[in-house]
Amino acid sequence: MNYSIKLVKKNEQATNLWSGGKTTQLAIYPEDADYSKRNFQWRISTADVEVEASLFTHLPGIQRVIMIIDGEMYLEHEGKHSVVLKPFEQDRFEGGWTTRSKGIVKDFNLMLSNGCDGGLTCIQIKKDIQDLVLDATGTAEVFYCVDGMVRVEIGEEEPLFFEKGDILSIIREKLSEEMSIKFCNKMEKNLSIIRATIVD
């Protein structure tokens, strides 16, 4: 199987201000894509919403999935549906909709374009070693460490140390076989990791 692994530490990520707070781009594909030009296949970011009410950027043609990390958000998609999201709850919507939010939160965002599909899940890593098998469906798997520190083993690669705010991307070129990842948590409490699976 051909694959590439990229670990981006929290202090290597670029954070920018926007009208409602600040946002951090965690991963974008292709890597030379530019969010401002909307020429990406997929993009992952976090946002700190620091105002009580905000209007989402209009992104026609882009499918969005948002998951709350901290706080509580009320999302209203004009003429569509509305939802209240608490930590690790999510909503999927079209970027071309008129969307407003209420609530001061930290959220995790997946944007999909050019026929890509994907989704988000939250994984609870218990103490000791936990195996995760990636099946032959996702061409990209991206993991975001919400808290703590986890040792990660991928195949025969050298172990990685995955800490709060870090992002780990695995891009797979051929999907003929499964792939195994081991997470090792030495803390007494469960640790949370957000997993994004993207299919193109």
Protein backbone atom coordinates (compact mmCIF):
# COMPACT_ATOMS: atom_id res chain seq x y z
CA MET A 1 0.00 0.00 0.00
CA ASN A 2 1.25 3.48 -0.88
CA TYR A 3 0.58 6.14 1.73
CA SER A 4 2.05 9.32 3.20
CA ILE A 5 1.94 10.48 6.82
CA LYS A 6 2.14 14.07 7.99
CA LEU A 7 2.11 15.30 11.59
CA VAL A 8 1.66 19.04 12.06
CA LYS A 9 2.26 20.27 15.58
CA LYS A 10 0.05 22.93 17.10
CA ASN A 11 2.82 25.56 17.04
CA GLU A 12 3.33 25.02 13.28
CA GLN A 13 -0.26 25.88 12.33
CA ALA A 14 -1.34 29.24 10.95
CA THR A 15 -4.07 31.10 12.82
CA ASN A 16 -5.93 34.07 11.31
CA LEU A 17 -8.49 36.51 12.63
CA TRP A 18 -12.00 36.80 11.24
CA SER A 19 -14.97 38.98 12.19
CA GLY A 20 -16.20 36.49 14.79
CA GLY A 21 -12.90 35.40 16.36
CA LYS A 22 -9.99 33.34 15.03
CA THR A 23 -9.57 30.30 12.80
CA THR A 24 -6.72 27.82 12.30
CA GLN A 25 -6.20 25.88 9.08
CA LEU A 26 -5.18 22.34 10.07
CA ALA A 27 -4.99 20.59 6.69
CA ILE A 28 -5.80 21.29 3.04
CA TYR A 29 -5.65 19.08 -0.05
CA PRO A 30 -3.91 19.38 -2.41
CA GLU A 31 -1.29 20.90 -0.13
CA ASP A 32 -0.63 23.76 -2.56
CA ALA A 33 -4.33 24.70 -2.64
CA ASP A 34 -5.37 28.17 -1.47
CA TYR A 35 -8.53 28.52 0.61
CA SER A 36 -9.10 32.08 -0.64
CA LYS A 37 -9.17 30.76 -4.23
CA ARG A 38 -11.53 27.88 -3.28
CA ASN A 39 -9.33 25.47 -5.30
CA PHE A 40 -9.14 22.74 -2.66
CA GLN A 41 -10.67 19.26 -2.71
CA TRP A 42 -11.02 19.28 1.06
CA ARG A 43 -10.01 21.48 3.99
CA ILE A 44 -10.00 21.03 7.76
CA SER A 45 -9.89 23.85 10.29
CA THR A 46 -10.86 24.88 13.79
CA ALA A 47 -12.54 28.12 14.78
CA ASP A 48 -12.83 30.00 18.04
CA VAL A 49 -16.14 31.85 17.85
CA GLU A 50 -15.79 34.78 20.22
CA VAL A 51 -19.03 36.68 19.49
CA GLU A 52 -22.52 35.65 20.51
CA ALA A 53 -23.96 35.74 16.96
CA SER A 54 -22.28 35.35 13.57
CA LEU A 55 -23.03 34.80 9.88
CA PHE A 56 -21.17 31.97 8.14
CA THR A 57 -19.06 32.68 5.05
CA HIS A 58 -20.99 31.96 1.83
CA LEU A 59 -19.32 28.93 0.18
CA PRO A 60 -21.48 27.72 -2.74
CA GLY A 61 -20.57 24.27 -4.09
CA ILE A 62 -18.86 23.23 -0.85
CA GLN A 63 -20.34 20.69 1.55
CA ARG A 64 -19.64 21.43 5.21
CA VAL A 65 -19.57 19.35 8.37
CA ILE A 66 -19.13 21.10 11.72
CA MET A 67 -18.49 19.48 15.11
CA ILE A 68 -18.38 21.33 18.42
CA ILE A 69 -15.26 20.88 20.57
CA ASP A 70 -16.20 23.18 23.45
CA GLY A 71 -19.35 25.17 24.25
CA GLU A 72 -22.83 25.07 22.77
CA MET A 73 -23.94 26.44 19.38
CA TYR A 74 -27.33 27.10 17.83
CA LEU A 75 -27.13 26.80 14.03
CA GLU A 76 -29.89 28.14 11.80
CA HIS A 77 -29.88 27.39 8.06
CA GLU A 78 -32.37 29.82 6.55
CA GLY A 79 -35.30 27.97 4.96
CA LYS A 80 -33.72 24.58 5.77
CA HIS A 81 -33.29 23.40 9.36
CA SER A 82 -31.89 24.47 12.71
CA VAL A 83 -30.02 22.53 15.38
CA VAL A 84 -28.40 22.93 18.81
CA LEU A 85 -24.94 21.35 19.01
CA LYS A 86 -23.09 20.36 22.17
CA PRO A 87 -19.51 18.96 22.38
CA PHE A 88 -18.82 16.29 19.74
CA GLU A 89 -22.26 16.70 18.15
CA GLN A 90 -22.24 17.66 14.47
CA ASP A 91 -24.25 19.07 11.59
CA ARG A 92 -23.86 18.72 7.81
CA PHE A 93 -25.00 21.48 5.44
CA GLU A 94 -24.32 23.17 2.12
CA GLY A 95 -21.91 26.09 2.14
CA GLY A 96 -24.18 28.00 -0.21
CA TRP A 97 -26.97 28.16 2.39
CA THR A 98 -27.46 31.25 4.52
CA THR A 99 -26.28 30.03 7.93
CA ARG A 100 -26.20 31.91 11.22
CA SER A 101 -24.90 30.77 14.57
CA LYS A 102 -25.40 31.75 18.18
CA GLY A 103 -23.03 30.80 20.98
CA ILE A 104 -19.40 31.17 21.96
CA VAL A 105 -17.67 27.92 21.02
CA LYS A 106 -14.62 26.18 19.63
CA ASP A 107 -15.54 24.08 16.60
CA PHE A 108 -14.00 21.68 14.09
CA ASN A 109 -14.78 22.12 10.40
CA LEU A 110 -14.59 19.80 7.40
CA MET A 111 -15.11 21.33 3.93
CA LEU A 112 -15.59 19.12 0.87
CA SER A 113 -15.63 20.10 -2.80
CA ASN A 114 -15.03 18.63 -6.28
CA GLY A 115 -17.15 15.54 -5.65
CA CYS A 116 -15.41 14.57 -2.40
CA ASP A 117 -17.42 13.03 0.41
CA GLY A 118 -16.52 12.44 4.03
CA GLY A 119 -17.53 12.58 7.65
CA LEU A 120 -16.45 13.15 11.24
CA THR A 121 -16.41 10.89 14.28
CA CYS A 122 -15.11 11.35 17.81
CA ILE A 123 -12.94 8.53 19.15
CA GLN A 124 -12.47 8.02 22.89
CA ILE A 125 -9.02 6.58 23.59
CA LYS A 126 -9.02 4.60 26.82
CA LYS A 127 -5.97 3.92 28.98
CA ASP A 128 -3.42 1.48 27.46
CA ILE A 129 -3.38 0.44 23.80
CA GLN A 130 -6.29 0.75 21.41
CA ASP A 131 -6.30 -0.54 17.83
CA LEU A 132 -8.05 1.21 14.97
CA VAL A 133 -8.42 -0.48 11.60
CA LEU A 134 -8.80 1.78 8.56
CA ASP A 135 -10.79 -0.05 5.91
CA ALA A 136 -10.37 0.31 2.17
CA THR A 137 -12.85 3.15 1.69
CA GLY A 138 -11.23 6.41 2.83
CA THR A 139 -8.48 7.90 0.69
CA ALA A 140 -7.57 10.35 3.47
CA GLU A 141 -7.77 9.94 7.24
CA VAL A 142 -7.12 12.97 9.42
CA PHE A 143 -6.91 12.89 13.23
CA TYR A 144 -7.07 15.89 15.58
CA CYS A 145 -5.96 15.55 19.21
CA VAL A 146 -8.49 17.33 21.42
CA ASP A 147 -6.67 16.75 24.72
CA GLY A 148 -3.75 14.98 26.39
CA MET A 149 -0.95 13.13 24.59
CA VAL A 150 -1.16 9.86 22.68
CA ARG A 151 1.58 7.63 21.25
CA VAL A 152 0.67 6.55 17.71
CA GLU A 153 2.07 3.56 15.83
CA ILE A 154 1.33 3.18 12.11
CA GLY A 155 2.60 0.00 10.47
CA GLU A 156 6.41 -0.21 10.61
CA GLU A 157 6.85 3.56 10.98
CA GLU A 158 8.58 5.15 13.96
CA PRO A 159 6.09 5.97 16.76
CA LEU A 160 4.68 9.49 16.81
CA PHE A 161 3.67 11.56 19.82
CA PHE A 162 0.35 13.23 19.20
CA GLU A 163 -0.55 16.08 21.58
CA LYS A 164 -3.41 18.51 22.15
CA GLY A 165 -3.97 20.63 19.05
CA ASP A 166 -1.81 18.48 16.73
CA ILE A 167 -3.13 17.16 13.41
CA LEU A 168 -2.13 13.82 11.85
CA SER A 169 -2.93 13.14 8.18
CA ILE A 170 -2.67 9.83 6.33
CA ILE A 171 -3.15 9.99 2.56
CA ARG A 172 -3.58 6.60 0.89
CA GLU A 173 -3.14 6.12 -2.86
CA LYS A 174 -4.29 2.51 -3.10
CA LEU A 175 -7.17 1.10 -1.07
CA SER A 176 -6.85 -2.61 -1.73
CA GLU A 177 -6.14 -3.49 1.90
CA GLU A 178 -6.86 -2.44 5.46
CA MET A 179 -4.43 -0.41 7.55
CA SER A 180 -3.92 -0.62 11.32
CA ILE A 181 -3.14 2.18 13.76
CA LYS A 182 -2.32 1.74 17.45
CA PHE A 183 -3.06 4.51 19.95
CA CYS A 184 -1.41 4.30 23.38
CA ASN A 185 -2.81 6.43 26.19
CA LYS A 186 -0.90 6.34 29.47
CA MET A 187 -3.27 8.68 31.31
CA GLU A 188 -6.01 7.47 33.64
CA LYS A 189 -8.76 9.38 31.82
CA ASN A 190 -10.10 8.82 28.33
CA LEU A 191 -8.71 11.14 25.65
CA SER A 192 -10.69 12.51 22.71
CA ILE A 193 -9.59 12.44 19.07
CA ILE A 194 -11.65 13.77 16.16
CA ARG A 195 -11.36 11.63 13.04
CA ALA A 196 -12.15 12.91 9.55
CA THR A 197 -12.50 10.33 6.77
CA ILE A 198 -12.50 11.67 3.20
CA VAL A 199 -13.41 9.75 0.04
CA ASP A 200 -12.78 11.11 -3.46
